[in-house]
Amino acid sequence: MATALREEELDNEDYYSLLNVRREASSEELKAAYRRLCMLYHPDKHRDPELKSQAEQLFNLVHQAYEVLSDPQTRAIYDIYGRKGLEMEGWEIVERRRTPAEIREEFERLQREREERRLQQRTNPKGTISVGVDATDLFDRYDEDYEDVPGSGFPQIEINKMHISQSIEAPLTATDTAILSGSLSTQNGNGGGSINFALRRVTSAKGWGEFEFGAGDLQGPLFGLKLFRNLTPRCFITTNCALQFSSRGIRPGLTTVLARNLDKNTMGYLQWRWGIQSAMNTSIVRDTKTSHFTVAFQLGIPHSFALISYQHKFQDDDQTRVKGSLKLNRASQTYFFPIHLTDQLLPSAIFYATVGPLVVYFAMHRLVIKPYLRAQKEKELEKQRESTATDILQKKQEAESAVRLMQESVRRIIEAEESRMGLIILNAWYGKFVNDKSRKNEKAKVIDVTVPLQCLVKDSKLILTEASKAGLPGFYDPCVGEEKSLKVLYQFRGVLHQVMVTDGEALRIPKQSHRIDTDG
């Protein structure tokens, strides 16, 4: 996908970046930027045949960009579809009879149709597999009493319970969703299952309602109604009414939950449940990127308890999380493996339940997972470089030609800036920088863009818009698919300044905050 996006970016020449204007630039701003580049690239200003030919190519490119952006209709098409949109058959007729607003409205209509198609294809599958493992024989053994029992020399590890659940969603309309879920459970040779169907309707931006029907081999039919409502931006309430039919008659149930965001990562819950197992429960759940912490208290019939739970997450770039409770989350699927080690406190069991999994995880992460992810990333980058090699070579040649054409203009700009102690670009680099010691094996990939930046200086100011710098005159992408930055060392009023920004970040110099302190 990244490769496809990069190819599209190369195909759709960034005209805004080429002219160094904002995407919201007015016609006056476009005209001023166009005139300035015309003065730089006009073929009549160069006598050398080679430079004249290079100037003509760049002049035509700038002229093409201005022609597209200066016309409101072609600009609307370009903003929506890129350069490919301008080449589509039929636009010659459309742009004459449609206003930019109508073109954008047509685009939004097509976007809605695509969203509806994606909505129909999305099922949002979720699943949980839980396997209970009885490994008590590893630690609680009675070898002295059962020496004659066949097979007693080897510990017996058994799977004593299993639970599997799965659910899928099927959007019917923009507001209605059908949900189908099922579960199977078995423990010590006994098991059962159930299947549920629910229909959810979004009634407003603040709430929804859901009707549920379920059936299973252990319990009779179930009818339920669930309501959700946002009370405030940080508080919501849910109410679930249910009727369970069984051999003992109809069992009604009611559950109400009031929840509130205490902060960005913390939720507080108050729950009241009436029915088969009535209870009042309060809990606080804190979930961050590295941990999951729960505190809960319950008073109920027949169960009352206090609970404190902590899980530590070890996370990698592939979105696979291994938690301290031996739970593995992969995409929307959860795999849970509770292992029963002992019925009493034994030092060996505690060691293998805590230190053992951590040692295994860190060893696997360092020796297997990280090298694999690094190799995959390098493989993807190599594919990107191969697929865009021709385009990048062309961009590099255009950038080198632009730099040669800028030399004379830059000389005059520097003379003017020096005469008034203005802005002088001493050095500028663009590309991938490696300063972190942990990445010392990686190579920096940067290009010198001192001349192109000095050429953009006007009245002792340099302003770069919030867009990729690779499209600026004299620039090209030296490291396709990798993060890039721009580092500038400049002089203003005789004082050294330095700044470093990311590729898509806007830049305005000079600034007092860029000043290098040389008092020491």
Foldseek 3Di string as FASTA:
>chain_A
DQLVVLVVCLVQQPLCLALQHDLPDDLVSLVVSLVLLCVLLVLVVDDPPVLSVLSVVSNVVNVVSSVQCNDQLSSLQCVQPGPVSVVDPPVVVVSVPDGSVVVVVVSVVVVVVVVVVVLQVAWPKFKEKEWEKEQQQVPDPDCVVPVPPPPSVDRDMDTFKIKIKMKTWGDPDPFKIKMKMKMKMGGRHDIWMKIKIKMKGAPDPFWIKMWMWMQMPVWGIKTKIKIKGDPDPFKIKMKMWMWTQGPVGIWIKIKMKIKGDPDPFKMWIWMFIDIPKTKTKIKMWGDDPFKIWIWMFMDIVPDTDTDTDMWTWDQDPQGWTQILQRWIDDNNYIYGYHYHHHPDDDPVSVCCSHVVVVVVVVCCCVPPVVVVVVVVVVVVQVVSCVVCVVSQVVLQVSLVSLLVSQVVVLVVLVVVCVVVQAKAFPWKKKAADDDDPVVVVDDTFIDTCRSQQSSQDDPRKGKGAQAFSCSYRNHHYRRPPDWMKMWTWMGGSRFIFIDMGTRRDIDMDDDPVRTDDPPD
